[in-house]
Amino acid sequence: MKKINVDEHHGICRTVDELGRLGFPKELREHLDIQARDKVEMIAGENYIILKKHQETCVFCMERTEDLIPFREKLLCASCLEELCGLTADNRAQDA
């Protein structure tokens, strides 16, 4: 997707309803592969809002990968988990 200058771009216009909701046009949902129940990030600038599909990341390295492992309500990638396991094994060896 090409970079858009938000100050110059005129896109699709929608009206906010009484509950503060905004309909997300089908063309944009399809373009970003956004399905029902997907998370969407909202980033506010001085006079604009950027919407983007949310992608989960590792809590330590911030890598975006399909193989995130849930641990105590956080997500870790396999390499960070392996590194953490190595740290705990090293700590036990030092304590002995």
Protein backbone atom coordinates (compact mmCIF):
# COMPACT_ATOMS: atom_id res chain seq x y z
CA MET A 1 0.00 0.00 0.00
CA LYS A 2 1.43 3.38 -0.93
CA LYS A 3 2.07 6.07 1.67
CA ILE A 4 -0.70 8.65 1.92
CA ASN A 5 -0.29 12.29 2.91
CA VAL A 6 -3.33 12.70 5.19
CA ASP A 7 -3.45 16.46 4.67
CA GLU A 8 -3.91 16.02 0.89
CA HIS A 9 -5.93 12.81 0.74
CA HIS A 10 -9.70 12.85 0.35
CA GLY A 11 -11.10 9.40 1.02
CA ILE A 12 -14.40 7.84 1.88
CA CYS A 13 -16.65 9.97 4.09
CA ARG A 14 -18.87 8.43 6.80
CA THR A 15 -21.08 9.92 9.53
CA VAL A 16 -20.56 9.10 13.20
CA ASP A 17 -23.81 7.77 14.72
CA GLU A 18 -25.42 8.78 18.03
CA LEU A 19 -23.37 6.18 19.95
CA GLY A 20 -20.06 7.41 18.50
CA ARG A 21 -19.69 4.52 16.06
CA LEU A 22 -18.27 4.78 12.59
CA GLY A 23 -18.93 2.29 9.82
CA PHE A 24 -15.74 0.88 8.31
CA PRO A 25 -16.26 0.65 4.51
CA LYS A 26 -16.12 -2.81 2.96
CA GLU A 27 -13.43 -1.76 0.45
CA LEU A 28 -11.07 -0.79 3.28
CA ARG A 29 -11.83 -3.92 5.34
CA GLU A 30 -11.08 -6.09 2.32
CA HIS A 31 -7.91 -4.15 1.45
CA LEU A 32 -6.54 -4.56 5.01
CA ASP A 33 -7.98 -8.10 5.45
CA ILE A 34 -9.99 -7.00 8.49
CA GLN A 35 -12.62 -9.51 9.60
CA ALA A 36 -15.38 -9.24 12.20
CA ARG A 37 -13.90 -9.23 15.74
CA ASP A 38 -10.38 -8.23 14.53
CA LYS A 39 -8.64 -5.52 16.54
CA VAL A 40 -7.98 -2.17 14.88
CA GLU A 41 -5.47 0.34 16.26
CA MET A 42 -6.40 4.04 16.30
CA ILE A 43 -3.60 6.59 16.23
CA ALA A 44 -4.54 10.26 16.66
CA GLY A 45 -2.60 13.11 15.11
CA GLU A 46 -3.29 16.81 15.46
CA ASN A 47 -6.21 16.78 13.01
CA TYR A 48 -6.44 13.19 11.77
CA ILE A 49 -6.89 9.59 12.92
CA ILE A 50 -5.01 6.64 11.46
CA LEU A 51 -6.66 3.23 11.60
CA LYS A 52 -4.60 0.10 11.10
CA LYS A 53 -5.08 -3.60 11.62
CA HIS A 54 -3.63 -4.63 14.97
CA GLN A 55 -0.90 -7.25 14.97
CA GLU A 56 0.13 -8.98 18.18
CA THR A 57 3.82 -8.67 19.14
CA CYS A 58 6.21 -10.31 21.59
CA VAL A 59 6.22 -8.40 24.89
CA PHE A 60 10.05 -8.36 24.94
CA CYS A 61 11.38 -7.98 21.37
CA MET A 62 8.22 -6.57 19.75
CA GLU A 63 8.54 -9.08 16.87
CA ARG A 64 5.36 -9.79 14.96
CA THR A 65 5.07 -13.49 14.35
CA GLU A 66 2.35 -16.09 13.98
CA ASP A 67 3.94 -18.30 16.68
CA LEU A 68 3.37 -16.17 19.79
CA ILE A 69 3.03 -18.13 23.01
CA PRO A 70 0.61 -16.84 25.67
CA PHE A 71 2.06 -16.66 29.20
CA ARG A 72 0.30 -14.92 32.12
CA GLU A 73 -1.76 -12.71 29.78
CA LYS A 74 1.37 -11.69 27.80
CA LEU A 75 2.67 -12.97 24.45
CA LEU A 76 6.24 -14.23 23.89
CA CYS A 77 8.00 -15.36 20.75
CA ALA A 78 9.84 -18.70 20.76
CA SER A 79 13.33 -17.13 20.79
CA CYS A 80 12.57 -14.90 23.80
CA LEU A 81 11.03 -17.84 25.64
CA GLU A 82 14.13 -19.92 24.90
CA GLU A 83 16.36 -17.10 26.16
CA LEU A 84 14.31 -16.77 29.35
CA CYS A 85 14.50 -20.50 29.97
CA GLY A 86 18.29 -20.29 29.54
CA LEU A 87 18.48 -17.43 32.06
CA THR A 88 16.58 -19.38 34.70
CA ALA A 89 18.76 -22.47 34.11
CA ASP A 90 21.91 -20.29 34.47
CA ASN A 91 20.53 -18.73 37.67
CA ARG A 92 19.90 -22.17 39.21
CA ALA A 93 23.41 -23.30 38.29
CA GLN A 94 24.90 -20.20 39.95
CA ASP A 95 22.84 -20.72 43.13
CA ALA A 96 24.07 -24.32 43.49
